[in-house]
Amino acid sequence: MKKSGPRCKKFRAAPARAPSTPRALRALLQAGIALAEPNPMRAAATAQLAARLGATFYDASYHALALERRGVFVTADERYLQKASAVGAVRHVRAWRGK
């Protein structure tokens, strides 16, 4: 039977170091979360976004990844959402329905 509704691809920005155990990495992959390895172009885009928004590099990294992958960054951080809504590709978790 074919599932109806929008498709959702989940990504997780990889930390500077990989998960400490193979078990942790397997758990992420089994949950359907693809790891996005750091790279210089993504780091530059993240730094520019963080500076533009006055946000932390950490918060901007998820948003930059969503922009790069033509996805949506879903957050519960209302302060970040206010700063970033003009950039696009960001929604509050309460408003997101996988659309």
PDB file of N, CA and C in Angstrom:
ATOM      1  N   MET A   1       0.840  -1.159   0.000  1.00  0.00           N
ATOM      2  CA  MET A   1       0.000   0.000   0.000  1.00  0.00           C
ATOM      3  C   MET A   1       0.891   1.229   0.000  1.00  0.00           C
ATOM      4  N   LYS A   2       0.558   2.189  -0.861  1.00  0.00           N
ATOM      5  CA  LYS A   2       1.333   3.404  -0.976  1.00  0.00           C
ATOM      6  C   LYS A   2       0.898   4.401   0.087  1.00  0.00           C
ATOM      7  N   LYS A   3       1.882   5.003   0.769  1.00  0.00           N
ATOM      8  CA  LYS A   3       1.576   6.018   1.773  1.00  0.00           C
ATOM      9  C   LYS A   3       1.257   7.326   1.071  1.00  0.00           C
ATOM     10  N   SER A   4       0.278   8.026   1.588  1.00  0.00           N
ATOM     11  CA  SER A   4      -0.039   9.333   1.024  1.00  0.00           C
ATOM     12  C   SER A   4       0.534  10.418   1.912  1.00  0.00           C
ATOM     13  N   GLY A   5       0.605  11.623   1.383  1.00  0.00           N
ATOM     14  CA  GLY A   5       1.103  12.748   2.160  1.00  0.00           C
ATOM     15  C   GLY A   5       2.498  13.136   1.729  1.00  0.00           C
ATOM     16  N   PRO A   6       2.984  14.242   2.259  1.00  0.00           N
ATOM     17  CA  PRO A   6       4.298  14.751   1.858  1.00  0.00           C
ATOM     18  C   PRO A   6       5.419  13.855   2.353  1.00  0.00           C
ATOM     19  N   ARG A   7       6.504  13.851   1.593  1.00  0.00           N
ATOM     20  CA  ARG A   7       7.680  13.089   1.991  1.00  0.00           C
ATOM     21  C   ARG A   7       8.600  14.001   2.789  1.00  0.00           C
ATOM     22  N   CYS A   8       9.267  13.441   3.742  1.00  0.00           N
ATOM     23  CA  CYS A   8      10.129  14.234   4.610  1.00  0.00           C
ATOM     24  C   CYS A   8      11.488  13.557   4.699  1.00  0.00           C
ATOM     25  N   LYS A   9      12.519  14.296   4.452  1.00  0.00           N
ATOM     26  CA  LYS A   9      13.880  13.790   4.603  1.00  0.00           C
ATOM     27  C   LYS A   9      14.500  14.519   5.776  1.00  0.00           C
ATOM     28  N   LYS A  10      15.016  13.787   6.723  1.00  0.00           N
ATOM     29  CA  LYS A  10      15.602  14.394   7.912  1.00  0.00           C
ATOM     30  C   LYS A  10      17.121  14.422   7.776  1.00  0.00           C
ATOM     31  N   PHE A  11      17.709  15.544   8.157  1.00  0.00           N
ATOM     32  CA  PHE A  11      19.158  15.674   8.160  1.00  0.00           C
ATOM     33  C   PHE A  11      19.607  16.152   9.525  1.00  0.00           C
ATOM     34  N   ARG A  12      20.806  15.798   9.856  1.00  0.00           N
ATOM     35  CA  ARG A  12      21.417  16.235  11.109  1.00  0.00           C
ATOM     36  C   ARG A  12      22.801  16.729  10.756  1.00  0.00           C
ATOM     37  N   ALA A  13      23.118  17.942  11.128  1.00  0.00           N
ATOM     38  CA  ALA A  13      24.464  18.452  10.897  1.00  0.00           C
ATOM     39  C   ALA A  13      25.428  17.646  11.751  1.00  0.00           C
ATOM     40  N   ALA A  14      26.454  17.116  11.129  1.00  0.00           N
ATOM     41  CA  ALA A  14      27.421  16.305  11.867  1.00  0.00           C
ATOM     42  C   ALA A  14      28.279  17.205  12.742  1.00  0.00           C
ATOM     43  N   PRO A  15      28.532  16.798  13.969  1.00  0.00           N
ATOM     44  CA  PRO A  15      29.406  17.594  14.830  1.00  0.00           C
ATOM     45  C   PRO A  15      30.837  17.556  14.308  1.00  0.00           C
ATOM     46  N   ALA A  16      31.696  18.362  14.894  1.00  0.00           N
ATOM     47  CA  ALA A  16      33.091  18.393  14.470  1.00  0.00           C
ATOM     48  C   ALA A  16      33.731  17.009  14.588  1.00  0.00           C
ATOM     49  N   ARG A  17      33.232  16.223  15.494  1.00  0.00           N
ATOM     50  CA  ARG A  17      33.710  14.839  15.585  1.00  0.00           C
ATOM     51  C   ARG A  17      32.509  13.913  15.461  1.00  0.00           C
ATOM     52  N   ALA A  18      32.751  12.766  14.910  1.00  0.00           N
ATOM     53  CA  ALA A  18      31.681  11.804  14.654  1.00  0.00           C
ATOM     54  C   ALA A  18      31.137  11.255  15.968  1.00  0.00           C
ATOM     55  N   PRO A  19      29.941  10.640  15.928  1.00  0.00           N
ATOM     56  CA  PRO A  19      29.427  10.010  17.148  1.00  0.00           C
ATOM     57  C   PRO A  19      30.471   9.064  17.730  1.00  0.00           C
ATOM     58  N   SER A  20      30.508   9.005  19.035  1.00  0.00           N
ATOM     59  CA  SER A  20      31.594   8.305  19.711  1.00  0.00           C
ATOM     60  C   SER A  20      31.555   6.788  19.559  1.00  0.00           C
ATOM     61  N   THR A  21      30.431   6.237  19.198  1.00  0.00           N
ATOM     62  CA  THR A  21      30.369   4.787  19.063  1.00  0.00           C
ATOM     63  C   THR A  21      29.662   4.409  17.772  1.00  0.00           C
ATOM     64  N   PRO A  22      30.040   3.278  17.211  1.00  0.00           N
ATOM     65  CA  PRO A  22      29.318   2.801  16.030  1.00  0.00           C
ATOM     66  C   PRO A  22      27.830   2.614  16.320  1.00  0.00           C
ATOM     67  N   ARG A  23      27.496   2.256  17.559  1.00  0.00           N
ATOM     68  CA  ARG A  23      26.092   2.066  17.932  1.00  0.00           C
ATOM     69  C   ARG A  23      25.303   3.371  17.806  1.00  0.00           C
ATOM     70  N   ALA A  24      25.916   4.483  18.225  1.00  0.00           N
ATOM     71  CA  ALA A  24      25.254   5.790  18.119  1.00  0.00           C
ATOM     72  C   ALA A  24      25.026   6.163  16.659  1.00  0.00           C
ATOM     73  N   LEU A  25      26.013   5.900  15.826  1.00  0.00           N
ATOM     74  CA  LEU A  25      25.882   6.190  14.405  1.00  0.00           C
ATOM     75  C   LEU A  25      24.790   5.322  13.779  1.00  0.00           C
ATOM     76  N   ARG A  26      24.767   4.037  14.119  1.00  0.00           N
ATOM     77  CA  ARG A  26      23.715   3.141  13.597  1.00  0.00           C
ATOM     78  C   ARG A  26      22.329   3.621  14.010  1.00  0.00           C
ATOM     79  N   ALA A  27      22.197   4.092  15.251  1.00  0.00           N
ATOM     80  CA  ALA A  27      20.901   4.574  15.742  1.00  0.00           C
ATOM     81  C   ALA A  27      20.425   5.771  14.924  1.00  0.00           C
ATOM     82  N   LEU A  28      21.337   6.693  14.610  1.00  0.00           N
ATOM     83  CA  LEU A  28      20.960   7.846  13.784  1.00  0.00           C
ATOM     84  C   LEU A  28      20.502   7.398  12.401  1.00  0.00           C
ATOM     85  N   LEU A  29      21.265   6.519  11.793  1.00  0.00           N
ATOM     86  CA  LEU A  29      20.933   6.065  10.447  1.00  0.00           C
ATOM     87  C   LEU A  29      19.642   5.257  10.422  1.00  0.00           C
ATOM     88  N   GLN A  30      19.413   4.438  11.432  1.00  0.00           N
ATOM     89  CA  GLN A  30      18.180   3.656  11.500  1.00  0.00           C
ATOM     90  C   GLN A  30      16.966   4.539  11.717  1.00  0.00           C
ATOM     91  N   ALA A  31      17.159   5.697  12.325  1.00  0.00           N
ATOM     92  CA  ALA A  31      16.050   6.635  12.539  1.00  0.00           C
ATOM     93  C   ALA A  31      15.748   7.423  11.277  1.00  0.00           C
ATOM     94  N   GLY A  32      16.499   7.170  10.205  1.00  0.00           N
ATOM     95  CA  GLY A  32      16.263   7.867   8.951  1.00  0.00           C
ATOM     96  C   GLY A  32      16.907   9.240   8.899  1.00  0.00           C
ATOM     97  N   ILE A  33      17.885   9.465   9.746  1.00  0.00           N
ATOM     98  CA  ILE A  33      18.557  10.763   9.792  1.00  0.00           C
ATOM     99  C   ILE A  33      19.874  10.654   9.033  1.00  0.00           C
ATOM    100  N   ALA A  34      19.987  11.422   7.961  1.00  0.00           N
ATOM    101  CA  ALA A  34      21.211  11.434   7.168  1.00  0.00           C
ATOM    102  C   ALA A  34      22.186  12.431   7.776  1.00  0.00           C
ATOM    103  N   LEU A  35      23.440  12.042   7.866  1.00  0.00           N
ATOM    104  CA  LEU A  35      24.453  12.950   8.396  1.00  0.00           C
ATOM    105  C   LEU A  35      24.988  13.826   7.269  1.00  0.00           C
ATOM    106  N   ALA A  36      25.142  15.089   7.541  1.00  0.00           N
ATOM    107  CA  ALA A  36      25.724  16.025   6.588  1.00  0.00           C
ATOM    108  C   ALA A  36      27.096  16.416   7.131  1.00  0.00           C
ATOM    109  N   GLU A  37      28.120  15.923   6.504  1.00  0.00           N
ATOM    110  CA  GLU A  37      29.477  16.176   6.970  1.00  0.00           C
ATOM    111  C   GLU A  37      29.846  17.644   6.785  1.00  0.00           C
ATOM    112  N   PRO A  38      30.644  18.182   7.693  1.00  0.00           N
ATOM    113  CA  PRO A  38      31.100  19.566   7.540  1.00  0.00           C
ATOM    114  C   PRO A  38      31.947  19.717   6.277  1.00  0.00           C
ATOM    115  N   ASN A  39      31.837  20.866   5.632  1.00  0.00           N
ATOM    116  CA  ASN A  39      32.710  21.174   4.513  1.00  0.00           C
ATOM    117  C   ASN A  39      32.927  22.683   4.483  1.00  0.00           C
ATOM    118  N   PRO A  40      33.981  23.148   3.828  1.00  0.00           N
ATOM    119  CA  PRO A  40      34.298  24.579   3.847  1.00  0.00           C
ATOM    120  C   PRO A  40      33.202  25.470   3.268  1.00  0.00           C
ATOM    121  N   MET A  41      32.537  25.056   2.213  1.00  0.00           N
ATOM    122  CA  MET A  41      31.488  25.888   1.616  1.00  0.00           C
ATOM    123  C   MET A  41      30.302  26.033   2.568  1.00  0.00           C
ATOM    124  N   ARG A  42      29.921  24.941   3.217  1.00  0.00           N
ATOM    125  CA  ARG A  42      28.812  24.998   4.166  1.00  0.00           C
ATOM    126  C   ARG A  42      29.197  25.838   5.382  1.00  0.00           C
ATOM    127  N   ALA A  43      30.426  25.716   5.827  1.00  0.00           N
ATOM    128  CA  ALA A  43      30.884  26.511   6.973  1.00  0.00           C
ATOM    129  C   ALA A  43      30.857  28.000   6.638  1.00  0.00           C
ATOM    130  N   ALA A  44      31.259  28.359   5.426  1.00  0.00           N
ATOM    131  CA  ALA A  44      31.240  29.768   5.017  1.00  0.00           C
ATOM    132  C   ALA A  44      29.804  30.284   4.942  1.00  0.00           C
ATOM    133  N   ALA A  45      28.911  29.490   4.365  1.00  0.00           N
ATOM    134  CA  ALA A  45      27.502  29.892   4.267  1.00  0.00           C
ATOM    135  C   ALA A  45      26.890  30.029   5.658  1.00  0.00           C
ATOM    136  N   THR A  46      27.260  29.133   6.558  1.00  0.00           N
ATOM    137  CA  THR A  46      26.755  29.186   7.928  1.00  0.00           C
ATOM    138  C   THR A  46      27.257  30.433   8.640  1.00  0.00           C
ATOM    139  N   ALA A  47      28.534  30.746   8.473  1.00  0.00           N
ATOM    140  CA  ALA A  47      29.106  31.935   9.119  1.00  0.00           C
ATOM    141  C   ALA A  47      28.431  33.204   8.599  1.00  0.00           C
ATOM    142  N   GLN A  48      28.175  33.266   7.299  1.00  0.00           N
ATOM    143  CA  GLN A  48      27.502  34.431   6.721  1.00  0.00           C
ATOM    144  C   GLN A  48      26.080  34.556   7.262  1.00  0.00           C
ATOM    145  N   LEU A  49      25.371  33.449   7.342  1.00  0.00           N
ATOM    146  CA  LEU A  49      24.003  33.463   7.852  1.00  0.00           C
ATOM    147  C   LEU A  49      23.986  33.874   9.324  1.00  0.00           C
ATOM    148  N   ALA A  50      24.895  33.323  10.111  1.00  0.00           N
ATOM    149  CA  ALA A  50      24.971  33.666  11.541  1.00  0.00           C
ATOM    150  C   ALA A  50      25.243  35.161  11.725  1.00  0.00           C
ATOM    151  N   ALA A  51      26.157  35.701  10.926  1.00  0.00           N
ATOM    152  CA  ALA A  51      26.471  37.127  11.035  1.00  0.00           C
ATOM    153  C   ALA A  51      25.280  37.981  10.605  1.00  0.00           C
ATOM    154  N   ARG A  52      24.632  37.580   9.532  1.00  0.00           N
ATOM    155  CA  ARG A  52      23.470  38.327   9.022  1.00  0.00           C
ATOM    156  C   ARG A  52      22.345  38.390  10.046  1.00  0.00           C
ATOM    157  N   LEU A  53      22.131  37.268  10.738  1.00  0.00           N
ATOM    158  CA  LEU A  53      21.016  37.171  11.676  1.00  0.00           C
ATOM    159  C   LEU A  53      21.387  37.537  13.112  1.00  0.00           C
ATOM    160  N   GLY A  54      22.667  37.646  13.394  1.00  0.00           N
ATOM    161  CA  GLY A  54      23.082  37.846  14.776  1.00  0.00           C
ATOM    162  C   GLY A  54      22.795  36.608  15.610  1.00  0.00           C
ATOM    163  N   ALA A  55      22.981  35.456  14.988  1.00  0.00           N
ATOM    164  CA  ALA A  55      22.689  34.170  15.632  1.00  0.00           C
ATOM    165  C   ALA A  55      23.988  33.410  15.884  1.00  0.00           C
ATOM    166  N   THR A  56      23.891  32.334  16.628  1.00  0.00           N
ATOM    167  CA  THR A  56      25.068  31.503  16.858  1.00  0.00           C
ATOM    168  C   THR A  56      25.354  30.662  15.619  1.00  0.00           C
ATOM    169  N   PHE A  57      26.603  30.273  15.474  1.00  0.00           N
ATOM    170  CA  PHE A  57      26.992  29.391  14.379  1.00  0.00           C
ATOM    171  C   PHE A  57      26.223  28.077  14.483  1.00  0.00           C
ATOM    172  N   TYR A  58      26.043  27.599  15.701  1.00  0.00           N
ATOM    173  CA  TYR A  58      25.326  26.347  15.939  1.00  0.00           C
ATOM    174  C   TYR A  58      23.907  26.407  15.375  1.00  0.00           C
ATOM    175  N   ASP A  59      23.146  27.443  15.735  1.00  0.00           N
ATOM    176  CA  ASP A  59      21.772  27.565  15.241  1.00  0.00           C
ATOM    177  C   ASP A  59      21.751  27.758  13.731  1.00  0.00           C
ATOM    178  N   ALA A  60      22.635  28.617  13.240  1.00  0.00           N
ATOM    179  CA  ALA A  60      22.655  28.898  11.806  1.00  0.00           C
ATOM    180  C   ALA A  60      23.069  27.680  10.983  1.00  0.00           C
ATOM    181  N   SER A  61      23.808  26.739  11.579  1.00  0.00           N
ATOM    182  CA  SER A  61      24.253  25.563  10.821  1.00  0.00           C
ATOM    183  C   SER A  61      23.078  24.714  10.357  1.00  0.00           C
ATOM    184  N   TYR A  62      22.063  24.564  11.189  1.00  0.00           N
ATOM    185  CA  TYR A  62      20.885  23.788  10.793  1.00  0.00           C
ATOM    186  C   TYR A  62      20.086  24.520   9.716  1.00  0.00           C
ATOM    187  N   HIS A  63      19.982  25.823   9.857  1.00  0.00           N
ATOM    188  CA  HIS A  63      19.247  26.624   8.887  1.00  0.00           C
ATOM    189  C   HIS A  63      19.981  26.630   7.542  1.00  0.00           C
ATOM    190  N   ALA A  64      21.303  26.798   7.575  1.00  0.00           N
ATOM    191  CA  ALA A  64      22.094  26.790   6.345  1.00  0.00           C
ATOM    192  C   ALA A  64      21.974  25.447   5.628  1.00  0.00           C
ATOM    193  N   LEU A  65      21.948  24.374   6.393  1.00  0.00           N
ATOM    194  CA  LEU A  65      21.781  23.048   5.795  1.00  0.00           C
ATOM    195  C   LEU A  65      20.417  22.930   5.124  1.00  0.00           C
ATOM    196  N   ALA A  66      19.379  23.439   5.767  1.00  0.00           N
ATOM    197  CA  ALA A  66      18.045  23.413   5.167  1.00  0.00           C
ATOM    198  C   ALA A  66      18.022  24.221   3.868  1.00  0.00           C
ATOM    199  N   LEU A  67      18.645  25.381   3.872  1.00  0.00           N
ATOM    200  CA  LEU A  67      18.713  26.197   2.656  1.00  0.00           C
ATOM    201  C   LEU A  67      19.474  25.469   1.554  1.00  0.00           C
ATOM    202  N   GLU A  68      20.596  24.864   1.908  1.00  0.00           N
ATOM    203  CA  GLU A  68      21.413  24.133   0.928  1.00  0.00           C
ATOM    204  C   GLU A  68      20.640  22.972   0.310  1.00  0.00           C
ATOM    205  N   ARG A  69      19.920  22.245   1.141  1.00  0.00           N
ATOM    206  CA  ARG A  69      19.203  21.046   0.676  1.00  0.00           C
ATOM    207  C   ARG A  69      17.789  21.343   0.188  1.00  0.00           C
ATOM    208  N   ARG A  70      17.445  22.633   0.131  1.00  0.00           N
ATOM    209  CA  ARG A  70      16.106  23.073  -0.272  1.00  0.00           C
ATOM    210  C   ARG A  70      15.035  22.443   0.616  1.00  0.00           C
ATOM    211  N   GLY A  71      15.332  22.464   1.889  1.00  0.00           N
ATOM    212  CA  GLY A  71      14.417  21.918   2.883  1.00  0.00           C
ATOM    213  C   GLY A  71      13.881  23.013   3.777  1.00  0.00           C
ATOM    214  N   VAL A  72      13.412  22.613   4.936  1.00  0.00           N
ATOM    215  CA  VAL A  72      12.877  23.542   5.924  1.00  0.00           C
ATOM    216  C   VAL A  72      13.517  23.226   7.265  1.00  0.00           C
ATOM    217  N   PHE A  73      14.027  24.266   7.930  1.00  0.00           N
ATOM    218  CA  PHE A  73      14.559  24.123   9.278  1.00  0.00           C
ATOM    219  C   PHE A  73      13.393  24.292  10.237  1.00  0.00           C
ATOM    220  N   VAL A  74      13.087  23.255  10.991  1.00  0.00           N
ATOM    221  CA  VAL A  74      11.989  23.280  11.948  1.00  0.00           C
ATOM    222  C   VAL A  74      12.582  23.512  13.327  1.00  0.00           C
ATOM    223  N   THR A  75      12.108  24.556  14.002  1.00  0.00           N
ATOM    224  CA  THR A  75      12.677  24.930  15.291  1.00  0.00           C
ATOM    225  C   THR A  75      11.587  25.310  16.281  1.00  0.00           C
ATOM    226  N   ALA A  76      11.898  25.170  17.545  1.00  0.00           N
ATOM    227  CA  ALA A  76      11.009  25.651  18.606  1.00  0.00           C
ATOM    228  C   ALA A  76      11.549  26.955  19.189  1.00  0.00           C
ATOM    229  N   ASP A  77      12.672  27.429  18.663  1.00  0.00           N
ATOM    230  CA  ASP A  77      13.323  28.640  19.151  1.00  0.00           C
ATOM    231  C   ASP A  77      12.656  29.864  18.521  1.00  0.00           C
ATOM    232  N   GLU A  78      11.767  30.483  19.271  1.00  0.00           N
ATOM    233  CA  GLU A  78      10.996  31.607  18.731  1.00  0.00           C
ATOM    234  C   GLU A  78      11.873  32.819  18.434  1.00  0.00           C
ATOM    235  N   ARG A  79      12.922  33.037  19.224  1.00  0.00           N
ATOM    236  CA  ARG A  79      13.825  34.164  18.947  1.00  0.00           C
ATOM    237  C   ARG A  79      14.548  33.964  17.619  1.00  0.00           C
ATOM    238  N   TYR A  80      15.030  32.747  17.375  1.00  0.00           N
ATOM    239  CA  TYR A  80      15.702  32.485  16.093  1.00  0.00           C
ATOM    240  C   TYR A  80      14.703  32.627  14.952  1.00  0.00           C
ATOM    241  N   LEU A  81      13.522  32.124  15.138  1.00  0.00           N
ATOM    242  CA  LEU A  81      12.498  32.197  14.106  1.00  0.00           C
ATOM    243  C   LEU A  81      12.201  33.644  13.712  1.00  0.00           C
ATOM    244  N   GLN A  82      12.105  34.523  14.692  1.00  0.00           N
ATOM    245  CA  GLN A  82      11.861  35.944  14.401  1.00  0.00           C
ATOM    246  C   GLN A  82      13.007  36.534  13.578  1.00  0.00           C
ATOM    247  N   LYS A  83      14.235  36.196  13.925  1.00  0.00           N
ATOM    248  CA  LYS A  83      15.391  36.714  13.199  1.00  0.00           C
ATOM    249  C   LYS A  83      15.454  36.153  11.776  1.00  0.00           C
ATOM    250  N   ALA A  84      15.101  34.885  11.621  1.00  0.00           N
ATOM    251  CA  ALA A  84      15.366  34.167  10.380  1.00  0.00           C
ATOM    252  C   ALA A  84      14.194  34.073   9.418  1.00  0.00           C
ATOM    253  N   SER A  85      13.022  34.487   9.820  1.00  0.00           N
ATOM    254  CA  SER A  85      11.848  34.281   8.960  1.00  0.00           C
ATOM    255  C   SER A  85      11.976  34.988   7.617  1.00  0.00           C
ATOM    256  N   ALA A  86      12.673  36.123   7.559  1.00  0.00           N
ATOM    257  CA  ALA A  86      12.831  36.835   6.285  1.00  0.00           C
ATOM    258  C   ALA A  86      13.724  36.063   5.308  1.00  0.00           C
ATOM    259  N   VAL A  87      14.602  35.222   5.828  1.00  0.00           N
ATOM    260  CA  VAL A  87      15.490  34.423   4.981  1.00  0.00           C
ATOM    261  C   VAL A  87      14.713  33.294   4.313  1.00  0.00           C
ATOM    262  N   GLY A  88      13.712  32.771   5.019  1.00  0.00           N
ATOM    263  CA  GLY A  88      12.913  31.662   4.502  1.00  0.00           C
ATOM    264  C   GLY A  88      13.466  30.320   4.935  1.00  0.00           C
ATOM    265  N   ALA A  89      12.764  29.274   4.551  1.00  0.00           N
ATOM    266  CA  ALA A  89      13.143  27.888   4.837  1.00  0.00           C
ATOM    267  C   ALA A  89      13.221  27.602   6.336  1.00  0.00           C
ATOM    268  N   VAL A  90      12.379  28.275   7.122  1.00  0.00           N
ATOM    269  CA  VAL A  90      12.341  28.043   8.567  1.00  0.00           C
ATOM    270  C   VAL A  90      10.890  28.144   9.033  1.00  0.00           C
ATOM    271  N   ARG A  91      10.498  27.228   9.900  1.00  0.00           N
ATOM    272  CA  ARG A  91       9.143  27.225  10.464  1.00  0.00           C
ATOM    273  C   ARG A  91       9.201  26.809  11.921  1.00  0.00           C
ATOM    274  N   HIS A  92       8.208  27.278  12.651  1.00  0.00           N
ATOM    275  CA  HIS A  92       8.078  26.849  14.041  1.00  0.00           C
ATOM    276  C   HIS A  92       7.544  25.422  14.051  1.00  0.00           C
ATOM    277  N   VAL A  93       7.967  24.657  15.006  1.00  0.00           N
ATOM    278  CA  VAL A  93       7.573  23.254  15.087  1.00  0.00           C
ATOM    279  C   VAL A  93       6.052  23.105  15.189  1.00  0.00           C
ATOM    280  N   ARG A  94       5.382  24.064  15.831  1.00  0.00           N
ATOM    281  CA  ARG A  94       3.919  23.979  15.945  1.00  0.00           C
ATOM    282  C   ARG A  94       3.228  24.160  14.596  1.00  0.00           C
ATOM    283  N   ALA A  95       3.847  24.920  13.693  1.00  0.00           N
ATOM    284  CA  ALA A  95       3.230  25.214  12.404  1.00  0.00           C
ATOM    285  C   ALA A  95       3.616  24.218  11.319  1.00  0.00           C
ATOM    286  N   TRP A  96       4.622  23.426  11.583  1.00  0.00           N
ATOM    287  CA  TRP A  96       5.129  22.521  10.548  1.00  0.00           C
ATOM    288  C   TRP A  96       4.274  21.259  10.458  1.00  0.00           C
ATOM    289  N   ARG A  97       3.910  20.940   9.248  1.00  0.00           N
ATOM    290  CA  ARG A  97       3.116  19.715   9.013  1.00  0.00           C
ATOM    291  C   ARG A  97       3.763  18.862   7.942  1.00  0.00           C
ATOM    292  N   GLY A  98       5.071  19.077   7.691  1.00  0.00           N
ATOM    293  CA  GLY A  98       5.760  18.295   6.684  1.00  0.00           C
ATOM    294  C   GLY A  98       5.446  18.743   5.266  1.00  0.00           C
ATOM    295  N   LYS A  99       4.989  19.970   5.125  1.00  0.00           N
ATOM    296  CA  LYS A  99       4.624  20.483   3.800  1.00  0.00           C
ATOM    297  C   LYS A  99       5.786  21.169   3.149  1.00  0.00           C
TER     298      LYS A  99
END
